[in-house]
Amino acid sequence: MHTLLTELLTPGEPLIAKVIRTVVVYVFLLIGLRLAGKRELGQLNPFDLVVLLVLSNTLQNAIIGNDNSITGGLIGAALLLVINYAVVRYLFLHPKIDTMAEGDAVILVQSGEVVEGALKRELITRAELASAARRQGIDNLSEIECARLEVGGALTFVLKHPSSDEYWRKETSERLRRIEEMLTHRA
């Protein structure tokens, strides 16, 4: 039993090696995902998902090295969480650096017109954009005042005209106001 516990809990590599490995892999992934574009973060298609899964499996050994112990895995995971927390906190406190690191949102549709150059730069097809719009209840891209690919990879849409819910809410409020005026004049 002692041998089993030793094998499970004793890291196979020195702690400093784990720290260096984790920092290098983390920085590599930050740079790699930034260069790959925003779509890798928020608008995954099956190909993107496969790349991210294989990437995580490929880099696992780079983080933990020749170490299959529970302790080694937990140390690697904890280091990733600590590094990520430190980077996120630093970027929060330094918005200019955050903007340089993450970039800006990209306008994909303006006043109902698709900005083809932006779609091309971000590697998003019209079909993918239309699909994302339909998931948010928008049938036609011409109904959109503005569509943006946000820094985190999400697509956001602002309609030219109010949605049907907003229209009916406004219409109902207006009718109630008129009824109240009529009742006030009768009294």
C-alpha atoms as a PDB file:
ATOM      1  CA  MET A   1       0.000   0.000   0.000  1.00  0.00           C
ATOM      2  CA  HIS A   2       2.895   2.356   0.814  1.00  0.00           C
ATOM      3  CA  THR A   3       4.303   1.910  -2.722  1.00  0.00           C
ATOM      4  CA  LEU A   4       0.940   2.723  -4.291  1.00  0.00           C
ATOM      5  CA  LEU A   5       0.547   5.897  -2.234  1.00  0.00           C
ATOM      6  CA  THR A   6       4.103   6.927  -3.010  1.00  0.00           C
ATOM      7  CA  GLU A   7       3.519   6.429  -6.744  1.00  0.00           C
ATOM      8  CA  LEU A   8       0.216   8.334  -6.653  1.00  0.00           C
ATOM      9  CA  LEU A   9       1.318  11.243  -4.504  1.00  0.00           C
ATOM     10  CA  THR A  10       5.045  11.773  -5.136  1.00  0.00           C
ATOM     11  CA  PRO A  11       5.668  14.158  -8.023  1.00  0.00           C
ATOM     12  CA  GLY A  12       7.997  12.773 -10.675  1.00  0.00           C
ATOM     13  CA  GLU A  13       9.591  16.121 -11.454  1.00  0.00           C
ATOM     14  CA  PRO A  14      10.978  18.973  -9.342  1.00  0.00           C
ATOM     15  CA  LEU A  15       8.520  21.747  -8.450  1.00  0.00           C
ATOM     16  CA  ILE A  16      10.565  24.415 -10.255  1.00  0.00           C
ATOM     17  CA  ALA A  17      10.362  22.375 -13.476  1.00  0.00           C
ATOM     18  CA  LYS A  18       6.564  22.299 -13.150  1.00  0.00           C
ATOM     19  CA  VAL A  19       6.429  26.050 -12.572  1.00  0.00           C
ATOM     20  CA  ILE A  20       8.587  26.792 -15.623  1.00  0.00           C
ATOM     21  CA  ARG A  21       6.685  24.322 -17.814  1.00  0.00           C
ATOM     22  CA  THR A  22       3.299  25.724 -16.761  1.00  0.00           C
ATOM     23  CA  VAL A  23       4.300  29.361 -17.304  1.00  0.00           C
ATOM     24  CA  VAL A  24       5.772  28.610 -20.741  1.00  0.00           C
ATOM     25  CA  VAL A  25       2.681  26.646 -21.861  1.00  0.00           C
ATOM     26  CA  TYR A  26       0.324  29.318 -20.504  1.00  0.00           C
ATOM     27  CA  VAL A  27       2.125  32.125 -22.343  1.00  0.00           C
ATOM     28  CA  PHE A  28       2.270  30.012 -25.513  1.00  0.00           C
ATOM     29  CA  LEU A  29      -1.487  29.406 -25.365  1.00  0.00           C
ATOM     30  CA  LEU A  30      -2.257  33.081 -24.721  1.00  0.00           C
ATOM     31  CA  ILE A  31      -0.214  34.145 -27.721  1.00  0.00           C
ATOM     32  CA  GLY A  32      -1.420  31.259 -29.897  1.00  0.00           C
ATOM     33  CA  LEU A  33      -5.101  31.816 -29.188  1.00  0.00           C
ATOM     34  CA  ARG A  34      -4.706  35.577 -29.666  1.00  0.00           C
ATOM     35  CA  LEU A  35      -3.114  35.009 -33.060  1.00  0.00           C
ATOM     36  CA  ALA A  36      -5.747  32.415 -33.982  1.00  0.00           C
ATOM     37  CA  GLY A  37      -8.466  35.038 -33.533  1.00  0.00           C
ATOM     38  CA  LYS A  38     -11.544  35.680 -31.446  1.00  0.00           C
ATOM     39  CA  ARG A  39     -13.613  32.976 -33.069  1.00  0.00           C
ATOM     40  CA  GLU A  40     -11.530  30.309 -31.325  1.00  0.00           C
ATOM     41  CA  LEU A  41     -12.884  31.572 -28.022  1.00  0.00           C
ATOM     42  CA  GLY A  42     -16.589  31.993 -28.606  1.00  0.00           C
ATOM     43  CA  GLN A  43     -17.878  30.693 -31.922  1.00  0.00           C
ATOM     44  CA  LEU A  44     -16.576  27.156 -32.117  1.00  0.00           C
ATOM     45  CA  ASN A  45     -17.372  24.983 -35.068  1.00  0.00           C
ATOM     46  CA  PRO A  46     -16.526  21.250 -34.971  1.00  0.00           C
ATOM     47  CA  PHE A  47     -13.055  21.836 -36.489  1.00  0.00           C
ATOM     48  CA  ASP A  48     -12.181  24.471 -33.870  1.00  0.00           C
ATOM     49  CA  LEU A  49     -13.368  22.174 -31.079  1.00  0.00           C
ATOM     50  CA  VAL A  50     -11.209  19.306 -32.343  1.00  0.00           C
ATOM     51  CA  VAL A  51      -8.165  21.606 -32.486  1.00  0.00           C
ATOM     52  CA  LEU A  52      -8.727  22.838 -28.922  1.00  0.00           C
ATOM     53  CA  LEU A  53      -9.218  19.302 -27.566  1.00  0.00           C
ATOM     54  CA  VAL A  54      -6.114  17.979 -29.306  1.00  0.00           C
ATOM     55  CA  LEU A  55      -4.189  21.072 -28.226  1.00  0.00           C
ATOM     56  CA  SER A  56      -5.070  20.497 -24.577  1.00  0.00           C
ATOM     57  CA  ASN A  57      -4.094  16.834 -24.794  1.00  0.00           C
ATOM     58  CA  THR A  58      -0.848  17.679 -26.591  1.00  0.00           C
ATOM     59  CA  LEU A  59       0.195  20.279 -24.034  1.00  0.00           C
ATOM     60  CA  GLN A  60      -0.753  18.212 -20.981  1.00  0.00           C
ATOM     61  CA  ASN A  61       2.600  16.461 -20.930  1.00  0.00           C
ATOM     62  CA  ALA A  62       4.405  19.730 -21.514  1.00  0.00           C
ATOM     63  CA  ILE A  63       2.922  20.979 -18.227  1.00  0.00           C
ATOM     64  CA  ILE A  64       3.304  17.912 -16.008  1.00  0.00           C
ATOM     65  CA  GLY A  65       6.310  16.371 -17.746  1.00  0.00           C
ATOM     66  CA  ASN A  66       7.143  12.769 -17.009  1.00  0.00           C
ATOM     67  CA  ASP A  67       4.814  12.727 -14.021  1.00  0.00           C
ATOM     68  CA  ASN A  68       1.631  10.717 -13.619  1.00  0.00           C
ATOM     69  CA  SER A  69       1.131  11.417  -9.935  1.00  0.00           C
ATOM     70  CA  ILE A  70      -2.018  12.996  -8.546  1.00  0.00           C
ATOM     71  CA  THR A  71       0.126  15.590  -6.787  1.00  0.00           C
ATOM     72  CA  GLY A  72       1.902  16.496 -10.031  1.00  0.00           C
ATOM     73  CA  GLY A  73      -1.408  16.965 -11.855  1.00  0.00           C
ATOM     74  CA  LEU A  74      -2.862  19.016  -9.019  1.00  0.00           C
ATOM     75  CA  ILE A  75       0.252  21.196  -8.874  1.00  0.00           C
ATOM     76  CA  GLY A  76       0.055  21.827 -12.628  1.00  0.00           C
ATOM     77  CA  ALA A  77      -3.671  22.644 -12.464  1.00  0.00           C
ATOM     78  CA  ALA A  78      -3.225  24.887  -9.419  1.00  0.00           C
ATOM     79  CA  LEU A  79      -0.384  26.747 -11.114  1.00  0.00           C
ATOM     80  CA  LEU A  80      -2.525  27.327 -14.197  1.00  0.00           C
ATOM     81  CA  LEU A  81      -5.329  28.739 -12.040  1.00  0.00           C
ATOM     82  CA  VAL A  82      -2.946  30.993 -10.086  1.00  0.00           C
ATOM     83  CA  ILE A  83      -1.221  32.273 -13.238  1.00  0.00           C
ATOM     84  CA  ASN A  84      -4.575  32.912 -14.910  1.00  0.00           C
ATOM     85  CA  TYR A  85      -5.867  34.771 -11.846  1.00  0.00           C
ATOM     86  CA  ALA A  86      -2.725  36.927 -11.761  1.00  0.00           C
ATOM     87  CA  VAL A  87      -2.904  37.735 -15.481  1.00  0.00           C
ATOM     88  CA  VAL A  88      -6.632  38.543 -15.386  1.00  0.00           C
ATOM     89  CA  ARG A  89      -6.177  40.734 -12.312  1.00  0.00           C
ATOM     90  CA  TYR A  90      -3.205  42.526 -13.861  1.00  0.00           C
ATOM     91  CA  LEU A  91      -5.112  43.182 -17.093  1.00  0.00           C
ATOM     92  CA  PHE A  92      -8.126  44.416 -15.103  1.00  0.00           C
ATOM     93  CA  LEU A  93      -5.918  46.936 -13.311  1.00  0.00           C
ATOM     94  CA  HIS A  94      -4.217  47.994 -16.575  1.00  0.00           C
ATOM     95  CA  PRO A  95      -6.973  48.516 -19.190  1.00  0.00           C
ATOM     96  CA  LYS A  96      -4.614  49.855 -21.877  1.00  0.00           C
ATOM     97  CA  ILE A  97      -2.519  46.691 -21.744  1.00  0.00           C
ATOM     98  CA  ASP A  98      -5.731  44.626 -21.714  1.00  0.00           C
ATOM     99  CA  THR A  99      -6.873  46.323 -24.929  1.00  0.00           C
ATOM    100  CA  MET A 100      -3.471  45.680 -26.528  1.00  0.00           C
ATOM    101  CA  ALA A 101      -3.559  42.020 -25.452  1.00  0.00           C
ATOM    102  CA  GLU A 102      -7.164  41.256 -26.328  1.00  0.00           C
ATOM    103  CA  GLY A 103      -7.872  43.722 -29.120  1.00  0.00           C
ATOM    104  CA  ASP A 104     -11.166  45.463 -29.816  1.00  0.00           C
ATOM    105  CA  ALA A 105     -14.597  44.299 -30.825  1.00  0.00           C
ATOM    106  CA  VAL A 106     -15.086  43.969 -34.591  1.00  0.00           C
ATOM    107  CA  ILE A 107     -18.176  45.271 -36.420  1.00  0.00           C
ATOM    108  CA  LEU A 108     -19.520  42.547 -38.726  1.00  0.00           C
ATOM    109  CA  VAL A 109     -22.833  44.164 -39.730  1.00  0.00           C
ATOM    110  CA  GLN A 110     -23.526  47.898 -39.851  1.00  0.00           C
ATOM    111  CA  SER A 111     -26.994  49.278 -40.705  1.00  0.00           C
ATOM    112  CA  GLY A 112     -28.096  45.938 -42.155  1.00  0.00           C
ATOM    113  CA  GLU A 113     -25.044  45.640 -44.423  1.00  0.00           C
ATOM    114  CA  VAL A 114     -22.534  42.841 -43.868  1.00  0.00           C
ATOM    115  CA  VAL A 115     -18.946  44.088 -43.595  1.00  0.00           C
ATOM    116  CA  GLU A 116     -17.324  41.477 -45.831  1.00  0.00           C
ATOM    117  CA  GLY A 117     -13.753  42.525 -45.027  1.00  0.00           C
ATOM    118  CA  ALA A 118     -14.352  42.025 -41.306  1.00  0.00           C
ATOM    119  CA  LEU A 119     -15.891  38.588 -41.900  1.00  0.00           C
ATOM    120  CA  LYS A 120     -12.888  37.627 -44.001  1.00  0.00           C
ATOM    121  CA  ARG A 121     -10.347  38.861 -41.404  1.00  0.00           C
ATOM    122  CA  GLU A 122     -12.129  36.991 -38.613  1.00  0.00           C
ATOM    123  CA  LEU A 123     -12.682  33.850 -40.749  1.00  0.00           C
ATOM    124  CA  ILE A 124     -16.449  33.874 -40.195  1.00  0.00           C
ATOM    125  CA  THR A 125     -18.692  32.838 -43.068  1.00  0.00           C
ATOM    126  CA  ARG A 126     -22.021  34.502 -43.855  1.00  0.00           C
ATOM    127  CA  ALA A 127     -23.690  31.189 -43.021  1.00  0.00           C
ATOM    128  CA  GLU A 128     -22.096  31.151 -39.540  1.00  0.00           C
ATOM    129  CA  LEU A 129     -23.147  34.762 -38.953  1.00  0.00           C
ATOM    130  CA  ALA A 130     -26.714  34.066 -40.120  1.00  0.00           C
ATOM    131  CA  SER A 131     -26.860  30.959 -37.935  1.00  0.00           C
ATOM    132  CA  ALA A 132     -25.773  32.939 -34.860  1.00  0.00           C
ATOM    133  CA  ALA A 133     -28.399  35.582 -35.662  1.00  0.00           C
ATOM    134  CA  ARG A 134     -31.135  32.931 -35.990  1.00  0.00           C
ATOM    135  CA  ARG A 135     -30.164  31.516 -32.570  1.00  0.00           C
ATOM    136  CA  GLN A 136     -31.030  34.961 -31.201  1.00  0.00           C
ATOM    137  CA  GLY A 137     -34.359  35.102 -33.058  1.00  0.00           C
ATOM    138  CA  ILE A 138     -33.210  37.250 -35.994  1.00  0.00           C
ATOM    139  CA  ASP A 139     -34.393  35.895 -39.337  1.00  0.00           C
ATOM    140  CA  ASN A 140     -32.587  38.224 -41.694  1.00  0.00           C
ATOM    141  CA  LEU A 141     -29.234  40.019 -41.459  1.00  0.00           C
ATOM    142  CA  SER A 142     -30.857  43.140 -42.952  1.00  0.00           C
ATOM    143  CA  GLU A 143     -32.849  43.511 -39.670  1.00  0.00           C
ATOM    144  CA  ILE A 144     -29.601  44.128 -37.771  1.00  0.00           C
ATOM    145  CA  GLU A 145     -28.417  47.642 -36.966  1.00  0.00           C
ATOM    146  CA  CYS A 146     -25.085  46.369 -35.660  1.00  0.00           C
ATOM    147  CA  ALA A 147     -23.476  42.958 -35.149  1.00  0.00           C
ATOM    148  CA  ARG A 148     -20.169  42.744 -33.321  1.00  0.00           C
ATOM    149  CA  LEU A 149     -17.654  40.041 -32.630  1.00  0.00           C
ATOM    150  CA  GLU A 150     -16.800  40.898 -29.042  1.00  0.00           C
ATOM    151  CA  VAL A 151     -13.338  40.621 -27.529  1.00  0.00           C
ATOM    152  CA  GLY A 152     -14.241  37.337 -25.821  1.00  0.00           C
ATOM    153  CA  GLY A 153     -15.507  35.785 -29.068  1.00  0.00           C
ATOM    154  CA  ALA A 154     -19.262  36.230 -28.540  1.00  0.00           C
ATOM    155  CA  LEU A 155     -21.446  37.651 -31.291  1.00  0.00           C
ATOM    156  CA  THR A 156     -23.836  40.406 -30.210  1.00  0.00           C
ATOM    157  CA  PHE A 157     -26.666  41.838 -32.282  1.00  0.00           C
ATOM    158  CA  VAL A 158     -28.624  45.096 -32.080  1.00  0.00           C
ATOM    159  CA  LEU A 159     -31.786  45.233 -34.167  1.00  0.00           C
ATOM    160  CA  LYS A 160     -32.765  48.189 -36.321  1.00  0.00           C
ATOM    161  CA  HIS A 161     -36.336  48.048 -35.085  1.00  0.00           C
ATOM    162  CA  PRO A 162     -37.607  46.967 -31.710  1.00  0.00           C
ATOM    163  CA  SER A 163     -38.354  43.285 -31.291  1.00  0.00           C
ATOM    164  CA  SER A 164     -41.976  42.158 -31.331  1.00  0.00           C
ATOM    165  CA  ASP A 165     -41.932  41.910 -27.520  1.00  0.00           C
ATOM    166  CA  GLU A 166     -40.659  45.472 -27.226  1.00  0.00           C
ATOM    167  CA  TYR A 167     -43.251  46.645 -29.773  1.00  0.00           C
ATOM    168  CA  TRP A 168     -46.146  45.007 -27.906  1.00  0.00           C
ATOM    169  CA  ARG A 169     -44.894  46.293 -24.557  1.00  0.00           C
ATOM    170  CA  LYS A 170     -44.775  49.840 -25.937  1.00  0.00           C
ATOM    171  CA  GLU A 171     -48.163  49.452 -27.628  1.00  0.00           C
ATOM    172  CA  THR A 172     -49.771  48.103 -24.433  1.00  0.00           C
ATOM    173  CA  SER A 173     -48.286  50.916 -22.343  1.00  0.00           C
ATOM    174  CA  GLU A 174     -49.617  53.479 -24.824  1.00  0.00           C
ATOM    175  CA  ARG A 175     -53.126  51.972 -24.770  1.00  0.00           C
ATOM    176  CA  LEU A 176     -53.149  51.872 -20.965  1.00  0.00           C
ATOM    177  CA  ARG A 177     -52.101  55.532 -20.887  1.00  0.00           C
ATOM    178  CA  ARG A 178     -54.997  56.462 -23.229  1.00  0.00           C
ATOM    179  CA  ILE A 179     -57.492  54.483 -21.113  1.00  0.00           C
ATOM    180  CA  GLU A 180     -56.287  56.262 -17.976  1.00  0.00           C
ATOM    181  CA  GLU A 181     -56.709  59.640 -19.722  1.00  0.00           C
ATOM    182  CA  MET A 182     -60.256  58.726 -20.778  1.00  0.00           C
ATOM    183  CA  LEU A 183     -61.121  57.657 -17.209  1.00  0.00           C
ATOM    184  CA  THR A 184     -59.620  60.848 -15.822  1.00  0.00           C
ATOM    185  CA  HIS A 185     -61.698  63.031 -18.190  1.00  0.00           C
ATOM    186  CA  ARG A 186     -64.922  61.168 -17.255  1.00  0.00           C
ATOM    187  CA  ALA A 187     -64.469  61.780 -13.555  1.00  0.00           C
END
